[in-house]
C-alpha atoms as a PDB file:
ATOM      1  CA  MET A   1      71.014 223.147 103.165  1.00  0.00           C
ATOM      2  CA  TYR A   2      71.058 219.368 103.431  1.00  0.00           C
ATOM      3  CA  GLU A   3      70.640 217.447 100.200  1.00  0.00           C
ATOM      4  CA  GLU A   4      69.267 213.883 100.071  1.00  0.00           C
ATOM      5  CA  ILE A   5      71.709 211.580  98.214  1.00  0.00           C
ATOM      6  CA  PHE A   6      69.609 208.368  98.100  1.00  0.00           C
ATOM      7  CA  HIS A   7      66.988 206.653 100.145  1.00  0.00           C
ATOM      8  CA  ILE A   8      65.593 203.147 100.452  1.00  0.00           C
ATOM      9  CA  ARG A   9      62.245 202.122 101.705  1.00  0.00           C
ATOM     10  CA  ILE A  10      62.196 198.887 103.719  1.00  0.00           C
ATOM     11  CA  SER A  11      58.991 197.186 104.453  1.00  0.00           C
ATOM     12  CA  LEU A  12      58.202 194.032 106.381  1.00  0.00           C
ATOM     13  CA  LEU A  13      57.727 192.130 103.131  1.00  0.00           C
ATOM     14  CA  HIS A  14      61.159 193.152 101.912  1.00  0.00           C
ATOM     15  CA  VAL A  15      62.737 191.944 105.139  1.00  0.00           C
ATOM     16  CA  ILE A  16      61.025 188.570 104.907  1.00  0.00           C
ATOM     17  CA  VAL A  17      62.020 188.079 101.248  1.00  0.00           C
ATOM     18  CA  GLY A  18      65.608 189.056 101.949  1.00  0.00           C
ATOM     19  CA  LEU A  19      65.936 186.727 104.901  1.00  0.00           C
ATOM     20  CA  GLY A  20      64.384 183.880 102.899  1.00  0.00           C
ATOM     21  CA  PHE A  21      66.803 184.423 100.015  1.00  0.00           C
ATOM     22  CA  LEU A  22      69.742 184.515 102.439  1.00  0.00           C
ATOM     23  CA  ALA A  23      68.605 181.288 104.130  1.00  0.00           C
ATOM     24  CA  LEU A  24      68.226 179.566 100.744  1.00  0.00           C
ATOM     25  CA  LEU A  25      71.709 180.704  99.739  1.00  0.00           C
ATOM     26  CA  LEU A  26      73.172 179.369 102.985  1.00  0.00           C
ATOM     27  CA  VAL A  27      71.423 176.018 102.460  1.00  0.00           C
ATOM     28  CA  LEU A  28      72.806 175.722  98.922  1.00  0.00           C
ATOM     29  CA  ILE A  29      76.335 176.601  99.998  1.00  0.00           C
ATOM     30  CA  THR A  30      76.210 174.164 102.929  1.00  0.00           C
ATOM     31  CA  SER A  31      74.849 171.370 100.716  1.00  0.00           C
ATOM     32  CA  TYR A  32      77.597 171.945  98.152  1.00  0.00           C
ATOM     33  CA  LEU A  33      80.313 171.881 100.803  1.00  0.00           C
ATOM     34  CA  ILE A  34      78.932 168.692 102.353  1.00  0.00           C
ATOM     35  CA  ALA A  35      78.499 166.922  99.021  1.00  0.00           C
ATOM     36  CA  PHE A  36      81.764 167.837  97.300  1.00  0.00           C
ATOM     37  CA  THR A  37      84.282 168.488 100.062  1.00  0.00           C
ATOM     38  CA  SER A  38      85.713 166.594 103.015  1.00  0.00           C
ATOM     39  CA  ILE A  39      83.695 168.661 105.462  1.00  0.00           C
ATOM     40  CA  LYS A  40      81.083 165.905 105.480  1.00  0.00           C
ATOM     41  CA  GLU A  41      83.544 163.714 107.384  1.00  0.00           C
ATOM     42  CA  TRP A  42      83.214 166.092 110.347  1.00  0.00           C
ATOM     43  CA  ILE A  43      79.535 165.247 110.669  1.00  0.00           C
ATOM     44  CA  PRO A  44      79.032 162.859 113.635  1.00  0.00           C
ATOM     45  CA  GLY A  45      78.197 159.344 112.425  1.00  0.00           C
ATOM     46  CA  TYR A  46      79.366 159.897 108.842  1.00  0.00           C
ATOM     47  CA  PRO A  47      82.140 157.420 107.860  1.00  0.00           C
ATOM     48  CA  ASP A  48      85.474 158.886 106.941  1.00  0.00           C
ATOM     49  CA  GLY A  49      87.608 157.807 103.973  1.00  0.00           C
ATOM     50  CA  ASN A  50      89.265 154.945 105.861  1.00  0.00           C
ATOM     51  CA  VAL A  51      85.932 153.528 106.966  1.00  0.00           C
ATOM     52  CA  ARG A  52      84.552 153.643 103.420  1.00  0.00           C
ATOM     53  CA  SER A  53      87.662 151.878 102.118  1.00  0.00           C
ATOM     54  CA  GLU A  54      87.217 149.165 104.736  1.00  0.00           C
ATOM     55  CA  ILE A  55      83.549 148.775 103.758  1.00  0.00           C
ATOM     56  CA  ILE A  56      84.515 148.253 100.112  1.00  0.00           C
ATOM     57  CA  ALA A  57      87.285 145.817 101.054  1.00  0.00           C
ATOM     58  CA  ASN A  58      84.897 143.852 103.289  1.00  0.00           C
ATOM     59  CA  ALA A  59      82.341 143.652 100.479  1.00  0.00           C
ATOM     60  CA  LEU A  60      84.999 142.205  98.173  1.00  0.00           C
ATOM     61  CA  ARG A  61      86.061 139.724 100.863  1.00  0.00           C
ATOM     62  CA  LEU A  62      82.424 138.698 101.346  1.00  0.00           C
ATOM     63  CA  ASP A  63      82.051 137.984  97.629  1.00  0.00           C
ATOM     64  CA  SER A  64      85.222 135.873  97.705  1.00  0.00           C
ATOM     65  CA  ILE A  65      84.030 133.986 100.787  1.00  0.00           C
ATOM     66  CA  GLU A  66      80.664 133.243  99.156  1.00  0.00           C
ATOM     67  CA  ALA A  67      82.425 131.888  96.058  1.00  0.00           C
ATOM     68  CA  GLU A  68      84.691 129.675  98.185  1.00  0.00           C
ATOM     69  CA  LEU A  69      81.706 128.418 100.199  1.00  0.00           C
ATOM     70  CA  ASP A  70      79.909 127.509  96.966  1.00  0.00           C
ATOM     71  CA  LYS A  71      82.972 125.553  95.829  1.00  0.00           C
ATOM     72  CA  ARG A  72      83.176 123.785  99.201  1.00  0.00           C
ATOM     73  CA  ASP A  73      79.473 122.921  99.173  1.00  0.00           C
ATOM     74  CA  ASN A  74      79.743 121.515  95.637  1.00  0.00           C
ATOM     75  CA  PHE A  75      82.757 119.430  96.655  1.00  0.00           C
ATOM     76  CA  ILE A  76      80.960 118.115  99.740  1.00  0.00           C
ATOM     77  CA  ARG A  77      77.892 117.191  97.674  1.00  0.00           C
ATOM     78  CA  SER A  78      80.074 115.340  95.177  1.00  0.00           C
ATOM     79  CA  LEU A  79      81.855 113.548  98.012  1.00  0.00           C
ATOM     80  CA  GLN A  80      78.531 112.575  99.580  1.00  0.00           C
ATOM     81  CA  VAL A  81      77.402 111.092  96.271  1.00  0.00           C
ATOM     82  CA  MET A  82      80.595 109.019  95.982  1.00  0.00           C
ATOM     83  CA  ILE A  83      80.464 107.836  99.598  1.00  0.00           C
ATOM     84  CA  GLY A  84      76.722 107.331  99.889  1.00  0.00           C
ATOM     85  CA  GLY A  85      76.345 105.422  96.645  1.00  0.00           C
ATOM     86  CA  GLY A  86      74.063 107.951  94.969  1.00  0.00           C
ATOM     87  CA  GLU A  87      73.913 108.907  91.342  1.00  0.00           C
ATOM     88  CA  TYR A  88      76.953 110.687  90.083  1.00  0.00           C
ATOM     89  CA  GLY A  89      74.936 112.689  87.567  1.00  0.00           C
ATOM     90  CA  THR A  90      72.952 114.266  90.396  1.00  0.00           C
ATOM     91  CA  ALA A  91      76.072 115.838  91.889  1.00  0.00           C
ATOM     92  CA  ALA A  92      77.154 117.057  88.466  1.00  0.00           C
ATOM     93  CA  ASP A  93      73.759 118.657  87.878  1.00  0.00           C
ATOM     94  CA  THR A  94      74.022 120.345  91.287  1.00  0.00           C
ATOM     95  CA  ILE A  95      77.442 121.748  90.471  1.00  0.00           C
ATOM     96  CA  ASP A  96      76.285 123.030  87.085  1.00  0.00           C
ATOM     97  CA  SER A  97      73.275 124.686  88.676  1.00  0.00           C
ATOM     98  CA  ALA A  98      75.647 127.012  90.546  1.00  0.00           C
ATOM     99  CA  VAL A  99      76.559 128.598  87.218  1.00  0.00           C
ATOM    100  CA  GLY A 100      73.069 128.428  85.742  1.00  0.00           C
ATOM    101  CA  THR A 101      73.442 125.396  83.486  1.00  0.00           C
ATOM    102  CA  THR A 102      72.422 121.764  83.648  1.00  0.00           C
ATOM    103  CA  THR A 103      74.380 118.922  82.089  1.00  0.00           C
ATOM    104  CA  HIS A 104      72.888 115.471  81.551  1.00  0.00           C
ATOM    105  CA  PHE A 105      75.790 113.132  80.990  1.00  0.00           C
ATOM    106  CA  ASP A 106      73.574 110.293  79.807  1.00  0.00           C
ATOM    107  CA  THR A 107      72.735 112.272  76.663  1.00  0.00           C
ATOM    108  CA  ILE A 108      76.335 113.077  75.684  1.00  0.00           C
ATOM    109  CA  ILE A 109      77.548 111.120  72.674  1.00  0.00           C
ATOM    110  CA  MET A 110      81.297 110.873  72.275  1.00  0.00           C
ATOM    111  CA  GLN A 111      82.453 110.255  68.715  1.00  0.00           C
ATOM    112  CA  ILE A 112      85.403 107.811  68.593  1.00  0.00           C
ATOM    113  CA  THR A 113      87.230 107.073  65.383  1.00  0.00           C
ATOM    114  CA  GLU A 114      88.038 103.511  64.363  1.00  0.00           C
ATOM    115  CA  GLU A 115      91.779 104.203  64.752  1.00  0.00           C
ATOM    116  CA  GLU A 116      91.276 105.492  68.289  1.00  0.00           C
ATOM    117  CA  LEU A 117      89.082 102.520  69.187  1.00  0.00           C
ATOM    118  CA  ALA A 118      91.700 100.055  67.862  1.00  0.00           C
ATOM    119  CA  PHE A 119      94.485 101.841  69.746  1.00  0.00           C
ATOM    120  CA  ARG A 120      92.450 101.890  72.968  1.00  0.00           C
ATOM    121  CA  THR A 121      91.654  98.173  72.654  1.00  0.00           C
ATOM    122  CA  GLU A 122      95.336  97.367  72.126  1.00  0.00           C
ATOM    123  CA  ILE A 123      96.400  99.335  75.206  1.00  0.00           C
ATOM    124  CA  GLU A 124      93.648  97.819  77.370  1.00  0.00           C
ATOM    125  CA  ASN A 125      94.667  94.303  76.358  1.00  0.00           C
ATOM    126  CA  GLU A 126      98.320  95.010  77.116  1.00  0.00           C
ATOM    127  CA  GLU A 127      97.552  96.537  80.506  1.00  0.00           C
ATOM    128  CA  ARG A 128      94.774  94.150  81.498  1.00  0.00           C
ATOM    129  CA  PHE A 129      96.776  92.385  84.196  1.00  0.00           C
ATOM    130  CA  SER A 130      99.049  95.276  85.102  1.00  0.00           C
ATOM    131  CA  LEU A 131      99.215  96.192  88.770  1.00  0.00           C
ATOM    132  CA  GLY A 132     100.560  99.675  88.159  1.00  0.00           C
ATOM    133  CA  LEU A 133      98.933 102.886  86.986  1.00  0.00           C
ATOM    134  CA  GLY A 134     101.050 105.645  85.522  1.00  0.00           C
ATOM    135  CA  ILE A 135      99.607 108.796  87.028  1.00  0.00           C
ATOM    136  CA  LYS A 136     102.617 110.968  87.717  1.00  0.00           C
ATOM    137  CA  PRO A 137     103.605 112.551  84.400  1.00  0.00           C
ATOM    138  CA  THR A 138     106.114 114.859  86.076  1.00  0.00           C
ATOM    139  CA  ASN A 139     108.523 112.099  87.073  1.00  0.00           C
ATOM    140  CA  LYS A 140     106.998 109.121  85.188  1.00  0.00           C
ATOM    141  CA  GLU A 141     106.703 107.027  88.358  1.00  0.00           C
ATOM    142  CA  TYR A 142     104.088 104.303  88.669  1.00  0.00           C
ATOM    143  CA  TYR A 143     101.904 103.467  91.626  1.00  0.00           C
ATOM    144  CA  HIS A 144     101.431  99.841  92.651  1.00  0.00           C
ATOM    145  CA  PHE A 145      98.177  99.289  94.493  1.00  0.00           C
ATOM    146  CA  TYR A 146      97.959  96.952  97.470  1.00  0.00           C
ATOM    147  CA  PRO A 147      94.865  94.698  97.337  1.00  0.00           C
ATOM    148  CA  PRO A 148      92.398  95.871 100.004  1.00  0.00           C
ATOM    149  CA  VAL A 149      91.185  92.293 100.589  1.00  0.00           C
ATOM    150  CA  SER A 150      91.620  88.858  99.089  1.00  0.00           C
ATOM    151  CA  GLY A 151      88.419  87.398  97.722  1.00  0.00           C
ATOM    152  CA  TYR A 152      86.142  86.925  94.734  1.00  0.00           C
ATOM    153  CA  VAL A 153      84.623  89.793  92.756  1.00  0.00           C
ATOM    154  CA  ILE A 154      80.893  89.064  92.465  1.00  0.00           C
ATOM    155  CA  ASN A 155      79.758  92.445  91.145  1.00  0.00           C
ATOM    156  CA  SER A 156      82.070  94.253  88.773  1.00  0.00           C
ATOM    157  CA  PHE A 157      82.449  97.901  87.908  1.00  0.00           C
ATOM    158  CA  ASN A 158      79.652  99.082  85.604  1.00  0.00           C
ATOM    159  CA  GLU A 159      79.480 102.785  84.894  1.00  0.00           C
ATOM    160  CA  LYS A 160      76.334 102.480  82.760  1.00  0.00           C
ATOM    161  CA  GLU A 161      74.454 101.014  85.730  1.00  0.00           C
ATOM    162  CA  ARG A 162      76.042 103.615  88.056  1.00  0.00           C
ATOM    163  CA  HIS A 163      77.892 100.928  89.963  1.00  0.00           C
ATOM    164  CA  TYR A 164      81.149 102.818  90.429  1.00  0.00           C
ATOM    165  CA  GLY A 165      83.040 100.103  92.287  1.00  0.00           C
ATOM    166  CA  ILE A 166      83.329  96.359  92.789  1.00  0.00           C
ATOM    167  CA  ASP A 167      81.928  93.983  95.400  1.00  0.00           C
ATOM    168  CA  VAL A 168      84.477  91.534  96.798  1.00  0.00           C
ATOM    169  CA  VAL A 169      83.241  88.564  98.826  1.00  0.00           C
ATOM    170  CA  THR A 170      85.523  87.378 101.578  1.00  0.00           C
ATOM    171  CA  LYS A 171      85.171  86.024 105.089  1.00  0.00           C
ATOM    172  CA  LYS A 172      83.458  88.157 107.693  1.00  0.00           C
ATOM    173  CA  ASP A 173      85.737  90.394 109.785  1.00  0.00           C
ATOM    174  CA  ALA A 174      88.598  89.953 107.307  1.00  0.00           C
ATOM    175  CA  GLN A 175      91.078  92.813 107.437  1.00  0.00           C
ATOM    176  CA  VAL A 176      90.600  95.691 105.008  1.00  0.00           C
ATOM    177  CA  MET A 177      93.878  97.348 103.993  1.00  0.00           C
ATOM    178  CA  ALA A 178      94.716 100.674 102.360  1.00  0.00           C
ATOM    179  CA  VAL A 179      95.726 100.411  98.717  1.00  0.00           C
ATOM    180  CA  LEU A 180      98.130 103.405  98.894  1.00  0.00           C
ATOM    181  CA  ASP A 181      99.582 105.912 101.299  1.00  0.00           C
ATOM    182  CA  GLY A 182      97.140 108.683 102.077  1.00  0.00           C
ATOM    183  CA  VAL A 183      95.092 110.684 104.569  1.00  0.00           C
ATOM    184  CA  VAL A 184      91.719 109.545 105.889  1.00  0.00           C
ATOM    185  CA  ILE A 185      89.177 112.215 104.930  1.00  0.00           C
ATOM    186  CA  PHE A 186      85.979 110.412 105.931  1.00  0.00           C
ATOM    187  CA  THR A 187      85.022 107.791 108.523  1.00  0.00           C
ATOM    188  CA  ASP A 188      81.347 107.556 109.332  1.00  0.00           C
ATOM    189  CA  TRP A 189      78.124 105.581 109.089  1.00  0.00           C
ATOM    190  CA  THR A 190      75.717 105.985 106.164  1.00  0.00           C
ATOM    191  CA  ILE A 191      72.293 104.392 105.882  1.00  0.00           C
ATOM    192  CA  ASN A 192      72.916 102.699 102.529  1.00  0.00           C
ATOM    193  CA  THR A 193      76.592 101.750 102.800  1.00  0.00           C
ATOM    194  CA  GLY A 194      77.138 101.314 106.542  1.00  0.00           C
ATOM    195  CA  HIS A 195      80.595 102.020 107.956  1.00  0.00           C
ATOM    196  CA  VAL A 196      82.612 103.854 105.302  1.00  0.00           C
ATOM    197  CA  VAL A 197      86.260 104.886 105.022  1.00  0.00           C
ATOM    198  CA  ALA A 198      87.538 107.289 102.355  1.00  0.00           C
ATOM    199  CA  ILE A 199      91.261 107.938 101.865  1.00  0.00           C
ATOM    200  CA  GLN A 200      92.720 110.769  99.832  1.00  0.00           C
ATOM    201  CA  HIS A 201      95.925 109.831  98.004  1.00  0.00           C
ATOM    202  CA  ALA A 202      98.359 111.857  95.942  1.00  0.00           C
ATOM    203  CA  ASN A 203      97.505 113.150  92.454  1.00  0.00           C
ATOM    204  CA  ASN A 204      93.747 113.461  93.102  1.00  0.00           C
ATOM    205  CA  LEU A 205      93.327 109.741  93.782  1.00  0.00           C
ATOM    206  CA  MET A 206      90.725 108.593  96.291  1.00  0.00           C
ATOM    207  CA  SER A 207      89.845 105.105  97.529  1.00  0.00           C
ATOM    208  CA  ILE A 208      86.567 104.291  99.299  1.00  0.00           C
ATOM    209  CA  TYR A 209      85.774 101.196 101.398  1.00  0.00           C
ATOM    210  CA  LYS A 210      82.125 100.454 102.278  1.00  0.00           C
ATOM    211  CA  HIS A 211      79.966  98.026 104.319  1.00  0.00           C
ATOM    212  CA  ASN A 212      82.655  97.535 107.010  1.00  0.00           C
ATOM    213  CA  SER A 213      81.803  96.047 110.386  1.00  0.00           C
ATOM    214  CA  VAL A 214      84.444  97.978 112.362  1.00  0.00           C
ATOM    215  CA  LEU A 215      86.491 101.074 111.502  1.00  0.00           C
ATOM    216  CA  LEU A 216      90.081 101.002 112.743  1.00  0.00           C
ATOM    217  CA  CYS A 217      91.080 104.541 111.753  1.00  0.00           C
ATOM    218  CA  LYS A 218      89.716 108.017 112.164  1.00  0.00           C
ATOM    219  CA  GLN A 219      89.487 111.135 110.062  1.00  0.00           C
ATOM    220  CA  GLY A 220      92.839 112.898 109.735  1.00  0.00           C
ATOM    221  CA  ASP A 221      94.981 109.772 110.189  1.00  0.00           C
ATOM    222  CA  TYR A 222      97.887 109.287 107.816  1.00  0.00           C
ATOM    223  CA  ILE A 223      97.706 105.741 106.452  1.00  0.00           C
ATOM    224  CA  ARG A 224     100.516 103.663 104.940  1.00  0.00           C
ATOM    225  CA  THR A 225     100.087 101.243 102.056  1.00  0.00           C
ATOM    226  CA  GLY A 226      98.796  97.909 103.355  1.00  0.00           C
ATOM    227  CA  GLN A 227      97.807  99.299 106.766  1.00  0.00           C
ATOM    228  CA  VAL A 228      94.635  97.781 108.239  1.00  0.00           C
ATOM    229  CA  ILE A 229      91.856 100.373 108.290  1.00  0.00           C
ATOM    230  CA  ALA A 230      88.697  98.299 108.913  1.00  0.00           C
ATOM    231  CA  ASN A 231      87.119  94.846 109.049  1.00  0.00           C
ATOM    232  CA  VAL A 232      84.843  93.414 106.379  1.00  0.00           C
ATOM    233  CA  GLY A 233      81.205  93.497 107.395  1.00  0.00           C
ATOM    234  CA  ASN A 234      77.594  93.562 106.301  1.00  0.00           C
ATOM    235  CA  SER A 235      76.559  97.053 107.394  1.00  0.00           C
ATOM    236  CA  GLY A 236      74.102  99.290 105.559  1.00  0.00           C
ATOM    237  CA  HIS A 237      70.901  98.657 103.622  1.00  0.00           C
ATOM    238  CA  GLU A 238      72.590  97.987 100.267  1.00  0.00           C
ATOM    239  CA  THR A 239      74.143  94.656 101.215  1.00  0.00           C
ATOM    240  CA  THR A 240      73.004  91.047 101.412  1.00  0.00           C
ATOM    241  CA  GLY A 241      76.065  89.472 103.016  1.00  0.00           C
ATOM    242  CA  PRO A 242      79.613  90.130 104.240  1.00  0.00           C
ATOM    243  CA  HIS A 243      81.632  91.772 101.491  1.00  0.00           C
ATOM    244  CA  LEU A 244      83.684  94.860 100.680  1.00  0.00           C
ATOM    245  CA  HIS A 245      82.417  97.416  98.230  1.00  0.00           C
ATOM    246  CA  PHE A 246      85.562  99.134  96.946  1.00  0.00           C
ATOM    247  CA  GLU A 247      85.773 102.237  94.761  1.00  0.00           C
ATOM    248  CA  MET A 248      88.627 104.203  93.199  1.00  0.00           C
ATOM    249  CA  TRP A 249      88.243 107.781  91.959  1.00  0.00           C
ATOM    250  CA  ARG A 250      90.624 110.179  90.288  1.00  0.00           C
ATOM    251  CA  ALA A 251      89.743 113.886  90.003  1.00  0.00           C
ATOM    252  CA  GLY A 252      86.029 113.051  90.313  1.00  0.00           C
ATOM    253  CA  THR A 253      86.124 110.281  87.703  1.00  0.00           C
ATOM    254  CA  PRO A 254      85.418 106.674  88.758  1.00  0.00           C
ATOM    255  CA  LEU A 255      88.044 104.038  87.921  1.00  0.00           C
ATOM    256  CA  ASN A 256      87.616 100.290  87.557  1.00  0.00           C
ATOM    257  CA  PRO A 257      89.684  98.752  90.386  1.00  0.00           C
ATOM    258  CA  GLU A 258      90.063  95.475  88.460  1.00  0.00           C
ATOM    259  CA  ASP A 259      92.129  97.338  85.861  1.00  0.00           C
ATOM    260  CA  PHE A 260      94.847  97.897  88.460  1.00  0.00           C
ATOM    261  CA  ILE A 261      94.491  95.282  91.217  1.00  0.00           C
ATOM    262  CA  GLN A 262      94.280  91.484  91.300  1.00  0.00           C
ATOM    263  CA  PHE A 263      91.870  90.394  94.003  1.00  0.00           C
ATOM    264  CA  LYS A 264      92.334  86.622  93.754  1.00  0.00           C
END
C-alpha cells in the first residue's frame, strides 16, 4: 500500500505572498549591490570612478579660480582708485569686505614713542634733499628718480586731505618723462584726471602721470628712465590749468614725490 510522506496545500493567496516576498528580496539585493559595489557603474548615464574624480578636481579648480578672480577684482579696484583720484579708504573697505570685515583707516591711532619720533625727524631732515630711495634690501642698491617735468609744485602731497600726489605747473605741452625703468600698465582717459599713464617699476613701485594732453606710449611698452611718455596738458575735470599731477606708490602705499625728486 502507498503511504503519504508529506503534503502541502497551495492556495492562490500563498502564491501571491510568496511571489511578493521573492520580489522584495530581489529589490533589496539589487539595491545593496548598486549602492555598495561597482555594479552601479554599469548603469547607463551613471558616472564611473574617473568621472567622479574629475568632477571633484573641477570643483577644486573652480574654487581656486573664484579666489584668484576676487584677488584680481580687488587689485583692479585699488588701481582704479589710484588712477582715478578717488578715496583710498574706499578701495581698502572694498578689499576688506571680501573677507567680511571693514577697516576705517581714519579711526586708527598709531602710538609713537618720543624716541621714535625724534629718530624719524632726524632721518627725515638728513634725507630731505636726497634724490635716492633705498628700496632694495637684498643688494642695498639705491634708485635715483628722474624728474618727470621741470616746474613749480603748487599743490603738495597731503595724505590727510587724500591728495596722494603733487601738482607741478609747467608750460603746456612740455614733455613728461618716466622717473624709472618700467612697464606701462595703464594708458587711458578718465573723466576726472584726463589722459593718464601708469608705469609699474621694480620692487612694487608705481608712478602715475595725470592730466596729460597727449599720450606717447601704450599699455605693455617697456619704458626707460627719462623716456618721454606724454605731454603736459589740462585734461579732465579736476584741473584748472596746464600742469602734471604726479603720484608715486609702493605696495599700495602713497609716497611723497618731493621726498625723492627735486622739481625745480
